[in-house]
Amino acid sequence: MAKKETKSTGLDVAGKSDDQLNETLGELKREAFNLRFQAATSQLEKPSRVREVRRDIARIKTQQSARAKASAAAK
């Protein structure tokens, strides 16, 4: 059985600083808000973008959580 290849999203979470992650998270949350409004008014051009944004937000939050745990363990 062949291994399944993972899809590269283009969002490099590990290579960003904490400030950059916070800024990107804010932008993604605003985009998610706008996408929800577009979906409600049936003006959504790319429905798959909602899923991508949600997953990118989750990736950032996961990275932030891992960094917080690592810094707490280091103290």
C-alpha atoms as a PDB file:
ATOM      1  CA  MET A   1       0.000   0.000   0.000  1.00  0.00           C
ATOM      2  CA  ALA A   2       1.431   3.362  -1.036  1.00  0.00           C
ATOM      3  CA  LYS A   3       1.908   6.210   1.393  1.00  0.00           C
ATOM      4  CA  LYS A   4      -0.509   9.072   1.106  1.00  0.00           C
ATOM      5  CA  GLU A   5       1.134  12.383   0.314  1.00  0.00           C
ATOM      6  CA  THR A   6       0.122  15.359   2.398  1.00  0.00           C
ATOM      7  CA  LYS A   7      -0.942  18.564   0.754  1.00  0.00           C
ATOM      8  CA  SER A   8       1.266  21.604   1.277  1.00  0.00           C
ATOM      9  CA  THR A   9      -0.831  24.613   2.221  1.00  0.00           C
ATOM     10  CA  GLY A  10       1.772  27.304   1.805  1.00  0.00           C
ATOM     11  CA  LEU A  11       1.240  28.534   5.356  1.00  0.00           C
ATOM     12  CA  ASP A  12       4.606  28.207   7.118  1.00  0.00           C
ATOM     13  CA  VAL A  13       3.614  28.335  10.772  1.00  0.00           C
ATOM     14  CA  ALA A  14       6.816  27.003  12.315  1.00  0.00           C
ATOM     15  CA  GLY A  15       8.985  29.594  10.590  1.00  0.00           C
ATOM     16  CA  LYS A  16       7.121  32.622  11.950  1.00  0.00           C
ATOM     17  CA  SER A  17       7.692  34.584  15.126  1.00  0.00           C
ATOM     18  CA  ASP A  18       5.025  34.975  17.796  1.00  0.00           C
ATOM     19  CA  ASP A  19       4.147  38.477  16.602  1.00  0.00           C
ATOM     20  CA  GLN A  20       3.814  37.314  13.005  1.00  0.00           C
ATOM     21  CA  LEU A  21       1.576  34.440  14.120  1.00  0.00           C
ATOM     22  CA  ASN A  22      -0.677  36.833  16.041  1.00  0.00           C
ATOM     23  CA  GLU A  23      -0.925  39.145  13.043  1.00  0.00           C
ATOM     24  CA  THR A  24      -1.691  36.280  10.656  1.00  0.00           C
ATOM     25  CA  LEU A  25      -4.262  34.894  13.095  1.00  0.00           C
ATOM     26  CA  GLY A  26      -6.045  38.258  13.190  1.00  0.00           C
ATOM     27  CA  GLU A  27      -6.111  38.457   9.406  1.00  0.00           C
ATOM     28  CA  LEU A  28      -7.473  34.921   9.105  1.00  0.00           C
ATOM     29  CA  LYS A  29     -10.172  35.592  11.691  1.00  0.00           C
ATOM     30  CA  ARG A  30     -11.293  38.675   9.759  1.00  0.00           C
ATOM     31  CA  GLU A  31     -11.335  36.643   6.562  1.00  0.00           C
ATOM     32  CA  ALA A  32     -13.384  33.904   8.249  1.00  0.00           C
ATOM     33  CA  PHE A  33     -15.853  36.539   9.431  1.00  0.00           C
ATOM     34  CA  ASN A  34     -16.200  37.936   5.917  1.00  0.00           C
ATOM     35  CA  LEU A  35     -16.575  34.461   4.441  1.00  0.00           C
ATOM     36  CA  ARG A  36     -19.390  33.677   6.878  1.00  0.00           C
ATOM     37  CA  PHE A  37     -21.239  36.784   5.740  1.00  0.00           C
ATOM     38  CA  GLN A  38     -20.697  35.907   2.092  1.00  0.00           C
ATOM     39  CA  ALA A  39     -22.023  32.403   2.732  1.00  0.00           C
ATOM     40  CA  ALA A  40     -25.098  33.780   4.487  1.00  0.00           C
ATOM     41  CA  THR A  41     -25.894  36.080   1.556  1.00  0.00           C
ATOM     42  CA  SER A  42     -25.104  33.425  -1.083  1.00  0.00           C
ATOM     43  CA  GLN A  43     -22.202  35.447  -2.482  1.00  0.00           C
ATOM     44  CA  LEU A  44     -19.478  32.938  -1.669  1.00  0.00           C
ATOM     45  CA  GLU A  45     -17.300  32.371  -4.733  1.00  0.00           C
ATOM     46  CA  LYS A  46     -15.044  29.623  -3.355  1.00  0.00           C
ATOM     47  CA  PRO A  47     -16.712  27.538  -0.625  1.00  0.00           C
ATOM     48  CA  SER A  48     -13.546  25.522  -0.027  1.00  0.00           C
ATOM     49  CA  ARG A  49     -11.814  28.674   1.240  1.00  0.00           C
ATOM     50  CA  VAL A  50     -13.906  28.526   4.437  1.00  0.00           C
ATOM     51  CA  ARG A  51     -12.385  25.142   5.255  1.00  0.00           C
ATOM     52  CA  GLU A  52      -8.856  26.298   4.397  1.00  0.00           C
ATOM     53  CA  VAL A  53      -9.135  29.354   6.644  1.00  0.00           C
ATOM     54  CA  ARG A  54     -10.504  27.309   9.557  1.00  0.00           C
ATOM     55  CA  ARG A  55      -7.654  24.833   9.244  1.00  0.00           C
ATOM     56  CA  ASP A  56      -5.022  27.584   9.001  1.00  0.00           C
ATOM     57  CA  ILE A  57      -6.434  29.157  12.180  1.00  0.00           C
ATOM     58  CA  ALA A  58      -6.202  25.771  13.895  1.00  0.00           C
ATOM     59  CA  ARG A  59      -2.594  25.337  12.729  1.00  0.00           C
ATOM     60  CA  ILE A  60      -1.619  28.705  14.193  1.00  0.00           C
ATOM     61  CA  LYS A  61      -3.387  28.046  17.491  1.00  0.00           C
ATOM     62  CA  THR A  62      -1.731  24.635  17.737  1.00  0.00           C
ATOM     63  CA  GLN A  63       1.699  26.179  17.167  1.00  0.00           C
ATOM     64  CA  GLN A  64       1.031  28.896  19.744  1.00  0.00           C
ATOM     65  CA  SER A  65      -0.082  26.282  22.271  1.00  0.00           C
ATOM     66  CA  ALA A  66       3.011  24.156  21.652  1.00  0.00           C
ATOM     67  CA  ARG A  67       5.263  27.177  22.097  1.00  0.00           C
ATOM     68  CA  ALA A  68       3.503  28.146  25.324  1.00  0.00           C
ATOM     69  CA  LYS A  69       3.913  24.624  26.726  1.00  0.00           C
ATOM     70  CA  ALA A  70       7.576  24.554  25.714  1.00  0.00           C
ATOM     71  CA  SER A  71       8.295  27.893  27.400  1.00  0.00           C
ATOM     72  CA  ALA A  72       6.420  26.816  30.543  1.00  0.00           C
ATOM     73  CA  ALA A  73       8.415  23.592  30.674  1.00  0.00           C
ATOM     74  CA  ALA A  74      11.671  25.518  30.269  1.00  0.00           C
ATOM     75  CA  LYS A  75      10.976  27.657  33.343  1.00  0.00           C
END
